[in-house]
Amino acid sequence: MTVLLVISFLFLLGYVSALAFFWPSGGDPAPDPPAGPEAMSLPGLTVLVPFRDEEKQLSRLVRDLAAQDYPTEKLDILFIDDHSRDGGAALLGSLLPAHPHMRSLALGPGREGKKAALARGVEAAKHAWILQMDADVCPGPRHARTLMSHGVRAGADLVAGPVAVRGRGVIGLFQELDVLSMTGLSAGSFRRGRAQVCSGANLLYSKVLYEETRSADPSGAVASGDDMFLMIGARLLGRTLVFCADPDALVVTSPESGWRSLIRQRVRWAAKAPHYKLPEIRFFAGWVTLTNVLLWGLAGAGIAGAGPGWWSFLPLGMKCGVDFLYLRKAASITGSRRRMTGFLVVFLLYVPVYASVALSMLGGRTNWKGRVVRAR
């Protein structure tokens, strides 16, 4: 048991060192979006919104996108229907005629899934820059302008924006802080030039970059991961990637409504990791997982009376403190600091939730909106 304690401390040291290296200082300095005559320098932009069964979200998103502070003549907003079973397509048919710069199209037979929808959208895009977002996000009126101006001034090929979850109850709190950890890691790792994670719910990139990175995306083997494989492909090509921490670049999304759907979502996210072509990202994810297993296992042994006394709980307590500080810093990007009061609840839920994810992956498949998706 003493050997396990020593190993746990060594893994904890590596974990803390990695978080210190990827500390979410806020990413690159956010430039002020151009206004007046300077707005003429903004390039043309196509916003891609793939959707499936999102009828309840589309009216609000159309309203938010119509309010974008971006030159309308340079803005092309495209909704791509991934074989929705609800009335979303019909709803768009009634809403979009009032907005000439918005349009929609549907995937044909033999093409399905978010990646296919994005590929179809890129094919139909009118402009050289793509802003990708999910159908359930809420962007502010300066969202597109802020991301694009940040990318132009940084000379970037890809700009990742912050994502926040806003929900109620314990399940909402869990997802809010879980996604916050990803936003923090995105901000910190992009700042270091070692991007580890990003979200397709808020991602700006050039059409050229998308086409150049297709070899990095095993689309035939993994249904999800369009964002991560694009980011990894950009890194492999040596492109410039930046994170925009400006509050105007933030998008807010809704949480999964139940624990079962949450676990299915996390299973889809975890399934893509073995296909990453950057060993560094797989190594970091593996180190985090093993650290959690060791520290929680040691604490469990202490509870059972088989551990080295109070030492059994010290590594886990230290990790709890480090995680709190990391998330509190990340919360300054998303304006979520008030939710940190529930951190301990989320910390204690982490093991049962992700143990359920691991067990679910053993089945080799999961479901998403009526479709069977490979889980490994």
Protein backbone atom coordinates (compact mmCIF):
# COMPACT_ATOMS: atom_id res chain seq x y z
CA MET A 1 0.00 0.00 0.00
CA THR A 2 2.95 2.33 0.61
CA VAL A 3 4.10 1.71 -2.96
CA LEU A 4 0.63 2.66 -4.23
CA LEU A 5 0.79 5.85 -2.19
CA VAL A 6 4.14 6.79 -3.72
CA ILE A 7 2.87 6.05 -7.23
CA SER A 8 -0.24 8.11 -6.55
CA PHE A 9 1.84 11.10 -5.50
CA LEU A 10 3.99 10.76 -8.64
CA PHE A 11 0.93 10.72 -10.88
CA LEU A 12 -0.53 13.64 -8.95
CA LEU A 13 2.70 15.59 -9.47
CA GLY A 14 2.52 14.99 -13.21
CA TYR A 15 -1.15 15.98 -13.25
CA VAL A 16 -0.54 19.23 -11.35
CA SER A 17 2.43 20.05 -13.58
CA ALA A 18 0.27 19.61 -16.70
CA LEU A 19 -2.48 21.86 -15.30
CA ALA A 20 0.09 24.49 -14.39
CA PHE A 21 1.45 24.34 -17.96
CA PHE A 22 -2.06 24.61 -19.41
CA TRP A 23 -3.26 27.23 -16.95
CA PRO A 24 -6.29 29.04 -18.47
CA SER A 25 -4.97 32.58 -18.35
CA GLY A 26 -7.65 33.67 -20.79
CA GLY A 27 -6.02 32.75 -24.09
CA ASP A 28 -4.73 35.34 -26.51
CA PRO A 29 -5.56 38.99 -25.85
CA ALA A 30 -8.97 39.65 -27.40
CA PRO A 31 -8.91 42.51 -29.92
CA ASP A 32 -11.75 44.98 -30.14
CA PRO A 33 -14.03 44.05 -33.06
CA PRO A 34 -13.73 46.51 -35.94
CA ALA A 35 -16.49 49.06 -36.30
CA GLY A 36 -17.48 51.66 -38.89
CA PRO A 37 -15.21 51.81 -41.96
CA GLU A 38 -12.91 49.18 -40.44
CA ALA A 39 -15.74 46.66 -40.68
CA MET A 40 -15.12 46.61 -44.43
CA SER A 41 -11.97 44.57 -43.70
CA LEU A 42 -14.03 41.67 -42.35
CA PRO A 43 -13.92 38.76 -44.83
CA GLY A 44 -16.95 36.88 -46.06
CA LEU A 45 -18.21 34.28 -43.60
CA THR A 46 -20.42 31.22 -43.92
CA VAL A 47 -22.07 30.02 -40.71
CA LEU A 48 -22.77 26.29 -40.74
CA VAL A 49 -25.45 24.84 -38.46
CA PRO A 50 -25.92 21.08 -38.85
CA PHE A 51 -29.04 19.90 -37.06
CA ARG A 52 -31.15 16.83 -36.36
CA ASP A 53 -34.42 16.96 -34.40
CA GLU A 54 -33.84 20.50 -33.09
CA GLU A 55 -37.24 22.04 -33.81
CA LYS A 56 -37.46 23.52 -30.29
CA GLN A 57 -34.13 25.35 -30.70
CA LEU A 58 -34.27 26.68 -34.26
CA SER A 59 -36.57 29.68 -33.84
CA ARG A 60 -34.34 31.16 -31.15
CA LEU A 61 -31.15 30.45 -33.13
CA VAL A 62 -32.55 32.07 -36.28
CA ARG A 63 -33.40 35.12 -34.18
CA ASP A 64 -29.91 35.24 -32.65
CA LEU A 65 -28.19 34.85 -36.02
CA ALA A 66 -30.41 37.51 -37.59
CA ALA A 67 -29.18 39.91 -34.89
CA GLN A 68 -25.49 39.40 -35.66
CA ASP A 69 -23.49 42.63 -35.91
CA TYR A 70 -21.78 41.56 -39.13
CA PRO A 71 -22.07 43.04 -42.64
CA THR A 72 -25.06 41.18 -44.06
CA GLU A 73 -23.64 41.20 -47.59
CA LYS A 74 -20.66 39.25 -46.25
CA LEU A 75 -22.64 36.77 -44.19
CA ASP A 76 -24.01 33.46 -45.45
CA ILE A 77 -25.92 31.36 -42.89
CA LEU A 78 -26.59 27.77 -43.85
CA PHE A 79 -28.65 25.19 -41.93
CA ILE A 80 -28.04 21.55 -42.91
CA ASP A 81 -30.78 19.08 -42.04
CA ASP A 82 -29.44 15.66 -41.04
CA HIS A 83 -32.67 13.71 -41.73
CA SER A 84 -34.67 15.29 -38.89
CA ARG A 85 -37.79 13.43 -37.77
CA ASP A 86 -39.51 16.48 -36.26
CA GLY A 87 -40.82 19.67 -37.83
CA GLY A 88 -37.51 21.54 -37.85
CA ALA A 89 -37.12 21.61 -41.64
CA ALA A 90 -40.66 22.91 -42.12
CA LEU A 91 -40.11 25.54 -39.44
CA LEU A 92 -37.02 26.84 -41.22
CA GLY A 93 -39.01 26.91 -44.44
CA SER A 94 -41.34 29.42 -42.82
CA LEU A 95 -38.65 31.49 -41.05
CA LEU A 96 -35.82 31.87 -43.56
CA PRO A 97 -37.60 33.73 -46.39
CA ALA A 98 -37.52 36.81 -44.16
CA HIS A 99 -33.71 36.60 -44.08
CA PRO A 100 -32.16 36.57 -47.58
CA HIS A 101 -28.70 35.73 -46.21
CA MET A 102 -30.01 32.52 -44.61
CA ARG A 103 -30.78 29.26 -46.37
CA SER A 104 -31.16 25.57 -45.66
CA LEU A 105 -30.50 22.28 -47.39
CA ALA A 106 -30.98 18.63 -46.53
CA LEU A 107 -28.69 15.63 -46.72
CA GLY A 108 -29.68 13.24 -49.44
CA PRO A 109 -30.05 9.45 -49.21
CA GLY A 110 -26.87 7.62 -48.28
CA ARG A 111 -25.39 10.55 -46.35
CA GLU A 112 -26.06 10.98 -42.64
CA GLY A 113 -24.43 12.24 -39.46
CA LYS A 114 -22.95 15.53 -38.35
CA LYS A 115 -19.73 15.05 -40.31
CA ALA A 116 -21.65 14.45 -43.52
CA ALA A 117 -23.77 17.53 -42.80
CA LEU A 118 -20.67 19.66 -42.27
CA ALA A 119 -19.06 18.32 -45.46
CA ARG A 120 -22.22 19.18 -47.40
CA GLY A 121 -22.24 22.63 -45.82
CA VAL A 122 -18.61 23.29 -46.73
CA GLU A 123 -19.36 22.22 -50.31
CA ALA A 124 -22.19 24.75 -50.49
CA ALA A 125 -20.44 27.55 -48.57
CA LYS A 126 -20.26 30.86 -50.40
CA HIS A 127 -17.29 32.22 -48.48
CA ALA A 128 -13.74 31.19 -47.61
CA TRP A 129 -14.29 31.26 -43.84
CA ILE A 130 -16.50 28.86 -41.90
CA LEU A 131 -18.08 29.45 -38.51
CA GLN A 132 -19.38 26.16 -37.18
CA MET A 133 -21.91 25.99 -34.36
CA ASP A 134 -24.49 23.61 -32.93
CA ALA A 135 -28.22 24.20 -33.30
CA ASP A 136 -28.77 24.45 -29.54
CA VAL A 137 -26.36 27.32 -28.81
CA CYS A 138 -27.15 30.94 -27.98
CA PRO A 139 -24.64 33.34 -29.60
CA GLY A 140 -24.61 37.01 -28.67
CA PRO A 141 -25.00 39.75 -31.32
CA ARG A 142 -21.23 40.41 -31.56
CA HIS A 143 -20.31 36.74 -31.70
CA ALA A 144 -19.37 36.30 -35.38
CA ARG A 145 -17.67 39.70 -35.58
CA THR A 146 -15.59 39.06 -32.46
CA LEU A 147 -14.34 35.63 -33.53
CA MET A 148 -13.54 36.73 -37.06
CA SER A 149 -11.76 39.95 -36.08
CA HIS A 150 -9.74 37.98 -33.53
CA GLY A 151 -8.71 35.45 -36.16
CA VAL A 152 -7.82 38.09 -38.76
CA ARG A 153 -5.66 40.09 -36.34
CA ALA A 154 -3.93 36.94 -35.06
CA GLY A 155 -3.33 35.62 -38.58
CA ALA A 156 -4.99 32.38 -37.49
CA ASP A 157 -6.24 29.45 -39.53
CA LEU A 158 -8.50 28.26 -36.70
CA VAL A 159 -10.11 30.12 -33.80
CA ALA A 160 -11.71 28.24 -30.91
CA GLY A 161 -14.33 30.06 -28.89
CA PRO A 162 -15.55 29.41 -25.33
CA VAL A 163 -18.62 27.28 -24.64
CA ALA A 164 -20.68 27.31 -21.46
CA VAL A 165 -23.53 25.12 -20.27
CA ARG A 166 -26.33 26.69 -18.27
CA GLY A 167 -28.63 24.24 -16.54
CA ARG A 168 -30.59 23.57 -13.39
CA GLY A 169 -30.27 20.97 -10.69
CA VAL A 170 -27.39 18.63 -10.00
CA ILE A 171 -27.22 17.29 -13.55
CA GLY A 172 -27.07 20.82 -14.94
CA LEU A 173 -24.36 21.77 -12.46
CA PHE A 174 -22.33 18.67 -13.33
CA GLN A 175 -22.38 19.45 -17.04
CA GLU A 176 -21.66 23.13 -16.47
CA LEU A 177 -18.45 22.43 -14.54
CA ASP A 178 -17.46 19.45 -16.68
CA VAL A 179 -17.66 21.56 -19.85
CA LEU A 180 -15.95 24.40 -17.98
CA SER A 181 -12.94 22.15 -17.45
CA MET A 182 -12.75 21.61 -21.22
CA THR A 183 -13.02 25.34 -21.90
CA GLY A 184 -10.21 25.99 -19.42
CA LEU A 185 -8.02 23.35 -21.03
CA SER A 186 -8.77 24.76 -24.45
CA ALA A 187 -7.79 28.29 -23.37
CA GLY A 188 -4.61 27.15 -21.62
CA SER A 189 -3.39 24.68 -24.23
CA PHE A 190 -4.04 26.99 -27.19
CA ARG A 191 -2.09 29.71 -25.40
CA ARG A 192 0.85 27.30 -25.10
CA GLY A 193 0.66 26.33 -28.76
CA ARG A 194 -0.21 22.73 -27.74
CA ALA A 195 -3.98 22.67 -28.37
CA GLN A 196 -5.56 19.71 -26.57
CA VAL A 197 -9.29 20.21 -27.01
CA CYS A 198 -11.86 22.43 -28.71
CA SER A 199 -15.60 22.42 -29.31
CA GLY A 200 -17.44 22.26 -32.62
CA ALA A 201 -20.20 24.26 -30.97
CA ASN A 202 -18.06 27.37 -31.44
CA LEU A 203 -15.32 27.00 -34.01
CA LEU A 204 -14.04 29.27 -36.79
CA TYR A 205 -11.72 28.03 -39.53
CA SER A 206 -10.85 28.53 -43.17
CA LYS A 207 -12.46 26.42 -45.86
CA VAL A 208 -8.96 25.57 -47.09
CA LEU A 209 -7.99 24.23 -43.66
CA TYR A 210 -11.07 22.01 -43.57
CA GLU A 211 -10.19 20.47 -46.94
CA GLU A 212 -6.52 19.99 -46.00
CA THR A 213 -7.32 18.16 -42.76
CA ARG A 214 -9.66 15.47 -44.10
CA SER A 215 -6.93 12.81 -43.89
CA ALA A 216 -6.77 13.37 -40.10
CA ASP A 217 -10.47 12.55 -39.65
CA PRO A 218 -11.38 8.82 -39.65
CA SER A 219 -14.96 9.68 -40.54
CA GLY A 220 -15.72 6.11 -41.56
CA ALA A 221 -14.73 4.72 -38.15
CA VAL A 222 -15.85 7.44 -35.71
CA ALA A 223 -19.15 9.29 -35.96
CA SER A 224 -18.16 12.18 -33.66
CA GLY A 225 -15.01 14.24 -33.27
CA ASP A 226 -15.32 16.60 -36.22
CA ASP A 227 -13.89 19.39 -34.04
CA MET A 228 -11.01 17.43 -32.51
CA PHE A 229 -9.85 15.85 -35.76
CA LEU A 230 -9.92 19.24 -37.46
CA MET A 231 -7.84 20.71 -34.64
CA ILE A 232 -5.38 17.81 -34.70
CA GLY A 233 -5.06 18.03 -38.47
CA ALA A 234 -4.32 21.75 -38.18
CA ARG A 235 -1.61 21.07 -35.61
CA LEU A 236 -0.05 18.35 -37.77
CA LEU A 237 0.07 20.82 -40.66
CA GLY A 238 1.71 23.48 -38.49
CA ARG A 239 -1.16 25.95 -38.85
CA THR A 240 -1.87 28.85 -36.49
CA LEU A 241 -4.51 28.06 -33.85
CA VAL A 242 -5.76 30.57 -31.28
CA PHE A 243 -8.37 30.74 -28.56
CA CYS A 244 -10.63 33.79 -28.25
CA ALA A 245 -11.56 34.45 -24.62
CA ASP A 246 -13.57 37.59 -25.30
CA PRO A 247 -16.97 37.37 -23.52
CA ASP A 248 -18.65 38.33 -26.81
CA ALA A 249 -17.26 35.12 -28.36
CA LEU A 250 -19.01 32.91 -25.79
CA VAL A 251 -21.89 30.65 -26.79
CA VAL A 252 -24.23 29.15 -24.20
CA THR A 253 -25.81 25.75 -24.66
CA SER A 254 -28.37 23.66 -22.81
CA PRO A 255 -27.43 20.52 -20.84
CA GLU A 256 -28.56 16.99 -21.54
CA SER A 257 -31.90 16.45 -19.82
CA GLY A 258 -31.15 13.15 -18.06
CA TRP A 259 -28.26 11.09 -16.74
CA ARG A 260 -28.74 8.38 -19.36
CA SER A 261 -28.52 10.84 -22.25
CA LEU A 262 -25.53 12.52 -20.58
CA ILE A 263 -23.66 9.22 -20.33
CA ARG A 264 -24.46 8.41 -23.96
CA GLN A 265 -23.07 11.78 -24.97
CA ARG A 266 -19.86 11.24 -23.02
CA VAL A 267 -19.51 7.76 -24.52
CA ARG A 268 -19.59 9.32 -28.00
CA TRP A 269 -16.98 11.85 -26.94
CA ALA A 270 -14.68 9.22 -25.42
CA ALA A 271 -14.94 6.87 -28.41
CA LYS A 272 -12.87 9.15 -30.64
CA ALA A 273 -9.79 9.36 -28.39
CA PRO A 274 -8.03 6.18 -29.66
CA HIS A 275 -8.08 7.62 -33.19
CA TYR A 276 -6.18 10.82 -32.39
CA LYS A 277 -3.03 11.08 -34.49
CA LEU A 278 -1.21 13.12 -31.85
CA PRO A 279 0.17 10.73 -29.15
CA GLU A 280 0.61 13.73 -26.85
CA ILE A 281 -3.17 14.19 -26.57
CA ARG A 282 -3.78 10.47 -25.95
CA PHE A 283 -1.02 10.44 -23.35
CA PHE A 284 -2.45 13.41 -21.47
CA ALA A 285 -5.96 11.91 -21.46
CA GLY A 286 -4.56 8.59 -20.25
CA TRP A 287 -2.54 10.28 -17.50
CA VAL A 288 -5.62 12.12 -16.23
CA THR A 289 -7.63 8.89 -16.22
CA LEU A 290 -4.96 6.89 -14.38
CA THR A 291 -4.49 9.68 -11.85
CA ASN A 292 -8.18 9.59 -11.02
CA VAL A 293 -8.22 5.80 -10.79
CA LEU A 294 -5.20 5.73 -8.46
CA LEU A 295 -6.30 8.56 -6.19
CA TRP A 296 -9.89 7.42 -5.85
CA GLY A 297 -8.75 3.82 -5.42
CA LEU A 298 -6.37 4.82 -2.64
CA ALA A 299 -9.13 6.82 -0.92
CA GLY A 300 -11.45 3.83 -1.25
CA ALA A 301 -8.83 1.62 0.39
CA GLY A 302 -8.60 4.14 3.22
CA ILE A 303 -12.36 4.02 3.74
CA ALA A 304 -12.20 0.22 3.83
CA GLY A 305 -9.44 0.37 6.43
CA ALA A 306 -6.83 -1.10 4.07
CA GLY A 307 -4.93 2.11 3.35
CA PRO A 308 -2.08 3.89 5.14
CA GLY A 309 -4.33 5.87 7.49
CA TRP A 310 -5.12 9.48 6.70
CA TRP A 311 -2.42 9.43 4.00
CA SER A 312 -4.93 7.54 1.85
CA PHE A 313 -7.00 10.70 1.46
CA LEU A 314 -4.24 13.30 1.12
CA PRO A 315 -3.52 12.91 -2.65
CA LEU A 316 -7.22 13.09 -3.50
CA GLY A 317 -7.69 16.11 -1.25
CA MET A 318 -4.79 17.86 -2.96
CA LYS A 319 -6.25 17.09 -6.38
CA CYS A 320 -9.60 18.46 -5.24
CA GLY A 321 -7.95 21.75 -4.28
CA VAL A 322 -6.02 22.02 -7.55
CA ASP A 323 -9.12 21.24 -9.62
CA PHE A 324 -11.09 23.90 -7.77
CA LEU A 325 -8.47 26.58 -8.47
CA TYR A 326 -8.22 25.54 -12.12
CA LEU A 327 -11.97 25.66 -12.67
CA ARG A 328 -12.30 28.92 -10.77
CA LYS A 329 -9.80 30.48 -13.15
CA ALA A 330 -11.58 29.01 -16.18
CA ALA A 331 -14.88 30.37 -14.83
CA SER A 332 -13.56 33.91 -15.36
CA ILE A 333 -13.80 33.22 -19.11
CA THR A 334 -17.41 32.04 -19.07
CA GLY A 335 -18.77 34.10 -16.17
CA SER A 336 -19.55 30.96 -14.17
CA ARG A 337 -17.83 31.71 -10.85
CA ARG A 338 -21.08 31.75 -8.91
CA ARG A 339 -21.57 28.08 -9.82
CA MET A 340 -18.29 27.10 -8.17
CA THR A 341 -20.21 26.82 -4.90
CA GLY A 342 -21.35 23.41 -6.12
CA PHE A 343 -17.86 22.20 -7.02
CA LEU A 344 -17.61 19.57 -4.28
CA VAL A 345 -20.85 17.91 -5.40
CA VAL A 346 -19.52 17.64 -8.97
CA PHE A 347 -16.14 16.39 -7.73
CA LEU A 348 -17.83 13.54 -5.84
CA LEU A 349 -20.06 12.69 -8.82
CA TYR A 350 -17.14 12.44 -11.22
CA VAL A 351 -16.31 8.82 -10.42
CA PRO A 352 -19.80 7.29 -10.67
CA VAL A 353 -20.58 9.22 -13.86
CA TYR A 354 -17.39 8.30 -15.68
CA ALA A 355 -17.41 4.76 -14.32
CA SER A 356 -20.82 4.47 -15.98
CA VAL A 357 -19.32 5.87 -19.19
CA ALA A 358 -16.52 3.26 -19.08
CA LEU A 359 -18.98 0.43 -18.49
CA SER A 360 -21.23 1.65 -21.29
CA MET A 361 -18.29 1.63 -23.70
CA LEU A 362 -17.81 -2.09 -23.10
CA GLY A 363 -20.97 -2.68 -25.11
CA GLY A 364 -19.25 -1.24 -28.17
CA ARG A 365 -22.14 1.01 -29.20
CA THR A 366 -24.53 3.67 -28.00
CA ASN A 367 -27.56 5.56 -29.31
CA TRP A 368 -27.91 9.14 -30.50
CA LYS A 369 -31.22 10.54 -31.71
CA GLY A 370 -32.47 7.19 -32.94
CA ARG A 371 -29.16 6.06 -34.43
CA VAL A 372 -26.73 3.39 -33.31
CA VAL A 373 -23.24 4.86 -32.88
CA ARG A 374 -19.99 2.97 -32.34
CA ALA A 375 -18.65 3.47 -28.83
CA ARG A 376 -15.17 2.09 -29.44
